Amino acid sequence: MQRTGKCLCGAVAFTANEIDPDGGMCHCDMCRRWTGSFLMTASSDHVTWSGEDRITRFQSSEWAERGFCSVCGSSLFYRVTAPGPYHGTYHLGLGTLDDAAGFDLKVEYFIDKKPACYAIEGDRETLTEAEVFAKFGGG
């Protein structure tokens, strides 16, 4: 599956090849501060960028970085920088995609950090903070 996307102002655009149709949602403190709620993503190891010079990268932890548009501030991606099987994987914000049809929410990360004020319908895998760190190499 290939998808395109961009930031709010269009200064940064991307094409993601082999994008995984199984989406994820993160409730960690950083994602909630970065987006104002939760981060919903689609993953790809194969992303090409247009306007890459307008991407600001922020090393948000020892194991990951976040990218946003330096013009409009749109959150673009979360990328694993730690060694291991997920190294280099982009977790693109679902809201940045030009067409988000066909994605299915399969996992919620940091379920133990999810605020009680919202609930997402459906059954899916849920991972606690400890389980996420074990899977992706953080902590």
C-alpha atoms as a PDB file:
ATOM      1  CA  MET A   1       0.000   0.000   0.000  1.00  0.00           C
ATOM      2  CA  GLN A   2       1.366   3.440  -0.953  1.00  0.00           C
ATOM      3  CA  ARG A   3       0.107   6.711   0.534  1.00  0.00           C
ATOM      4  CA  THR A   4       0.949  10.374   0.255  1.00  0.00           C
ATOM      5  CA  GLY A   5       0.618  13.058   2.858  1.00  0.00           C
ATOM      6  CA  LYS A   6       1.653  16.520   3.953  1.00  0.00           C
ATOM      7  CA  CYS A   7       1.702  19.024   6.768  1.00  0.00           C
ATOM      8  CA  LEU A   8      -0.964  21.685   7.281  1.00  0.00           C
ATOM      9  CA  CYS A   9       0.741  24.333   5.130  1.00  0.00           C
ATOM     10  CA  GLY A  10       2.074  21.917   2.480  1.00  0.00           C
ATOM     11  CA  ALA A  11       5.742  22.889   2.963  1.00  0.00           C
ATOM     12  CA  VAL A  12       6.540  19.239   3.758  1.00  0.00           C
ATOM     13  CA  ALA A  13       5.069  16.337   1.798  1.00  0.00           C
ATOM     14  CA  PHE A  14       5.850  12.639   1.655  1.00  0.00           C
ATOM     15  CA  THR A  15       5.215   9.381  -0.133  1.00  0.00           C
ATOM     16  CA  ALA A  16       5.160   6.251   2.012  1.00  0.00           C
ATOM     17  CA  ASN A  17       5.602   2.915   0.256  1.00  0.00           C
ATOM     18  CA  GLU A  18       4.742  -0.412   1.853  1.00  0.00           C
ATOM     19  CA  ILE A  19       2.735   1.388   4.536  1.00  0.00           C
ATOM     20  CA  ASP A  20       1.257  -0.980   7.086  1.00  0.00           C
ATOM     21  CA  PRO A  21      -2.576  -0.914   7.096  1.00  0.00           C
ATOM     22  CA  ASP A  22      -2.525  -1.892  10.789  1.00  0.00           C
ATOM     23  CA  GLY A  23      -2.588   1.422  12.643  1.00  0.00           C
ATOM     24  CA  GLY A  24      -1.473   2.212  16.160  1.00  0.00           C
ATOM     25  CA  MET A  25      -2.425   4.696  18.838  1.00  0.00           C
ATOM     26  CA  CYS A  26      -0.133   6.018  21.563  1.00  0.00           C
ATOM     27  CA  HIS A  27      -1.196   7.432  24.926  1.00  0.00           C
ATOM     28  CA  CYS A  28       2.263   8.200  26.355  1.00  0.00           C
ATOM     29  CA  ASP A  29       2.861  11.529  28.061  1.00  0.00           C
ATOM     30  CA  MET A  30       5.037  12.783  25.184  1.00  0.00           C
ATOM     31  CA  CYS A  31       2.540  11.933  22.424  1.00  0.00           C
ATOM     32  CA  ARG A  32      -0.292  13.528  24.384  1.00  0.00           C
ATOM     33  CA  ARG A  33       1.722  16.727  24.874  1.00  0.00           C
ATOM     34  CA  TRP A  34       2.872  16.707  21.231  1.00  0.00           C
ATOM     35  CA  THR A  35      -0.598  16.264  19.712  1.00  0.00           C
ATOM     36  CA  GLY A  36      -2.932  17.531  22.416  1.00  0.00           C
ATOM     37  CA  SER A  37      -4.543  14.093  22.826  1.00  0.00           C
ATOM     38  CA  PHE A  38      -3.208  10.787  21.426  1.00  0.00           C
ATOM     39  CA  LEU A  39      -1.062  10.001  18.415  1.00  0.00           C
ATOM     40  CA  MET A  40      -2.665   7.742  15.818  1.00  0.00           C
ATOM     41  CA  THR A  41      -0.188   6.383  13.262  1.00  0.00           C
ATOM     42  CA  ALA A  42       0.487   4.247  10.222  1.00  0.00           C
ATOM     43  CA  SER A  43       3.987   2.771   9.854  1.00  0.00           C
ATOM     44  CA  SER A  44       6.439   2.540   6.982  1.00  0.00           C
ATOM     45  CA  ASP A  45      10.156   1.935   6.565  1.00  0.00           C
ATOM     46  CA  HIS A  46      10.092   3.471   3.082  1.00  0.00           C
ATOM     47  CA  VAL A  47       9.313   7.206   3.148  1.00  0.00           C
ATOM     48  CA  THR A  48      10.513   9.850   0.700  1.00  0.00           C
ATOM     49  CA  TRP A  49      10.187  13.512   1.571  1.00  0.00           C
ATOM     50  CA  SER A  50       9.627  16.753  -0.299  1.00  0.00           C
ATOM     51  CA  GLY A  51      10.592  19.861   1.665  1.00  0.00           C
ATOM     52  CA  GLU A  52      12.759  17.787   3.997  1.00  0.00           C
ATOM     53  CA  ASP A  53      14.775  20.923   4.825  1.00  0.00           C
ATOM     54  CA  ARG A  54      11.643  22.209   6.584  1.00  0.00           C
ATOM     55  CA  ILE A  55      11.446  19.226   8.918  1.00  0.00           C
ATOM     56  CA  THR A  56      12.655  19.859  12.449  1.00  0.00           C
ATOM     57  CA  ARG A  57      13.698  16.678  14.213  1.00  0.00           C
ATOM     58  CA  PHE A  58      13.519  16.490  17.991  1.00  0.00           C
ATOM     59  CA  GLN A  59      15.212  13.641  19.865  1.00  0.00           C
ATOM     60  CA  SER A  60      12.378  13.136  22.370  1.00  0.00           C
ATOM     61  CA  SER A  61      13.922  10.147  24.139  1.00  0.00           C
ATOM     62  CA  GLU A  62      16.983   7.912  24.052  1.00  0.00           C
ATOM     63  CA  TRP A  63      15.230   5.666  21.568  1.00  0.00           C
ATOM     64  CA  ALA A  64      13.119   7.873  19.292  1.00  0.00           C
ATOM     65  CA  GLU A  65      12.781  11.194  17.520  1.00  0.00           C
ATOM     66  CA  ARG A  66       9.799  13.250  16.402  1.00  0.00           C
ATOM     67  CA  GLY A  67       9.536  15.332  13.262  1.00  0.00           C
ATOM     68  CA  PHE A  68       7.425  18.397  12.649  1.00  0.00           C
ATOM     69  CA  CYS A  69       7.099  21.114  10.019  1.00  0.00           C
ATOM     70  CA  SER A  70       9.223  24.124  10.931  1.00  0.00           C
ATOM     71  CA  VAL A  71       6.791  26.401   9.038  1.00  0.00           C
ATOM     72  CA  CYS A  72       3.347  25.450  10.419  1.00  0.00           C
ATOM     73  CA  GLY A  73       4.293  23.198  13.351  1.00  0.00           C
ATOM     74  CA  SER A  74       2.340  20.138  12.167  1.00  0.00           C
ATOM     75  CA  SER A  75       3.342  16.879  13.847  1.00  0.00           C
ATOM     76  CA  LEU A  76       4.562  14.611  11.033  1.00  0.00           C
ATOM     77  CA  PHE A  77       6.160  11.477  12.444  1.00  0.00           C
ATOM     78  CA  TYR A  78       7.647   9.562  15.295  1.00  0.00           C
ATOM     79  CA  ARG A  79      10.703   7.467  14.348  1.00  0.00           C
ATOM     80  CA  VAL A  80      12.493   4.755  16.301  1.00  0.00           C
ATOM     81  CA  THR A  81      16.236   5.496  16.523  1.00  0.00           C
ATOM     82  CA  ALA A  82      17.225   2.651  18.874  1.00  0.00           C
ATOM     83  CA  PRO A  83      18.978  -0.375  17.385  1.00  0.00           C
ATOM     84  CA  GLY A  84      16.786  -3.371  16.738  1.00  0.00           C
ATOM     85  CA  PRO A  85      14.076  -4.585  14.374  1.00  0.00           C
ATOM     86  CA  TYR A  86      12.128  -1.290  14.471  1.00  0.00           C
ATOM     87  CA  HIS A  87      15.139   1.000  13.894  1.00  0.00           C
ATOM     88  CA  GLY A  88      14.314   3.654  11.304  1.00  0.00           C
ATOM     89  CA  THR A  89      10.596   2.902  11.149  1.00  0.00           C
ATOM     90  CA  TYR A  90       8.453   5.987  10.620  1.00  0.00           C
ATOM     91  CA  HIS A  91       5.158   6.157  12.485  1.00  0.00           C
ATOM     92  CA  LEU A  92       3.367   8.758  10.381  1.00  0.00           C
ATOM     93  CA  GLY A  93       0.532  10.740  11.903  1.00  0.00           C
ATOM     94  CA  LEU A  94      -2.675   9.347  10.410  1.00  0.00           C
ATOM     95  CA  GLY A  95      -4.015  12.887  10.097  1.00  0.00           C
ATOM     96  CA  THR A  96      -1.161  13.833   7.747  1.00  0.00           C
ATOM     97  CA  LEU A  97      -2.251  11.281   5.116  1.00  0.00           C
ATOM     98  CA  ASP A  98      -4.143  12.511   2.068  1.00  0.00           C
ATOM     99  CA  ASP A  99      -6.270   9.368   2.261  1.00  0.00           C
ATOM    100  CA  ALA A 100      -6.587   7.469   5.537  1.00  0.00           C
ATOM    101  CA  ALA A 101      -9.147   4.957   4.260  1.00  0.00           C
ATOM    102  CA  GLY A 102      -8.378   1.287   4.761  1.00  0.00           C
ATOM    103  CA  PHE A 103      -6.484   1.515   8.034  1.00  0.00           C
ATOM    104  CA  ASP A 104      -7.494  -0.547  11.035  1.00  0.00           C
ATOM    105  CA  LEU A 105      -6.516   0.298  14.615  1.00  0.00           C
ATOM    106  CA  LYS A 106      -4.692  -2.816  15.819  1.00  0.00           C
ATOM    107  CA  VAL A 107      -2.744  -1.704  18.904  1.00  0.00           C
ATOM    108  CA  GLU A 108      -2.820   0.901  21.659  1.00  0.00           C
ATOM    109  CA  TYR A 109       0.520   1.773  23.261  1.00  0.00           C
ATOM    110  CA  PHE A 110       0.946   2.992  26.850  1.00  0.00           C
ATOM    111  CA  ILE A 111      -2.572   1.861  27.711  1.00  0.00           C
ATOM    112  CA  ASP A 112      -1.727   2.426  31.373  1.00  0.00           C
ATOM    113  CA  LYS A 113      -1.239   6.151  30.571  1.00  0.00           C
ATOM    114  CA  LYS A 114      -4.548   6.637  28.706  1.00  0.00           C
ATOM    115  CA  PRO A 115      -6.697   9.325  30.342  1.00  0.00           C
ATOM    116  CA  ALA A 116      -9.980   7.999  31.716  1.00  0.00           C
ATOM    117  CA  CYS A 117     -11.904  10.771  29.914  1.00  0.00           C
ATOM    118  CA  TYR A 118     -11.949   8.968  26.553  1.00  0.00           C
ATOM    119  CA  ALA A 119     -12.484   5.459  25.249  1.00  0.00           C
ATOM    120  CA  ILE A 120     -11.940   3.999  21.794  1.00  0.00           C
ATOM    121  CA  GLU A 121     -14.381   1.307  20.665  1.00  0.00           C
ATOM    122  CA  GLY A 122     -13.290  -2.115  19.513  1.00  0.00           C
ATOM    123  CA  ASP A 123     -10.966  -4.872  20.563  1.00  0.00           C
ATOM    124  CA  ARG A 124      -7.241  -4.628  19.881  1.00  0.00           C
ATOM    125  CA  GLU A 125      -3.875  -5.430  21.394  1.00  0.00           C
ATOM    126  CA  THR A 126      -2.945  -3.123  24.281  1.00  0.00           C
ATOM    127  CA  LEU A 127       0.563  -2.614  25.616  1.00  0.00           C
ATOM    128  CA  THR A 128       1.603  -1.037  28.923  1.00  0.00           C
ATOM    129  CA  GLU A 129       4.579   1.287  29.288  1.00  0.00           C
ATOM    130  CA  ALA A 130       6.802  -1.631  30.373  1.00  0.00           C
ATOM    131  CA  GLU A 131       5.672  -3.767  27.421  1.00  0.00           C
ATOM    132  CA  VAL A 132       6.345  -0.934  24.946  1.00  0.00           C
ATOM    133  CA  PHE A 133       9.870  -0.378  26.295  1.00  0.00           C
ATOM    134  CA  ALA A 134      10.573  -4.115  26.084  1.00  0.00           C
ATOM    135  CA  LYS A 135       9.315  -4.250  22.477  1.00  0.00           C
ATOM    136  CA  PHE A 136      11.035  -1.140  21.078  1.00  0.00           C
ATOM    137  CA  GLY A 137      14.169  -1.010  23.231  1.00  0.00           C
ATOM    138  CA  GLY A 138      13.406   2.119  25.256  1.00  0.00           C
ATOM    139  CA  GLY A 139      13.219   2.716  28.939  1.00  0.00           C
END
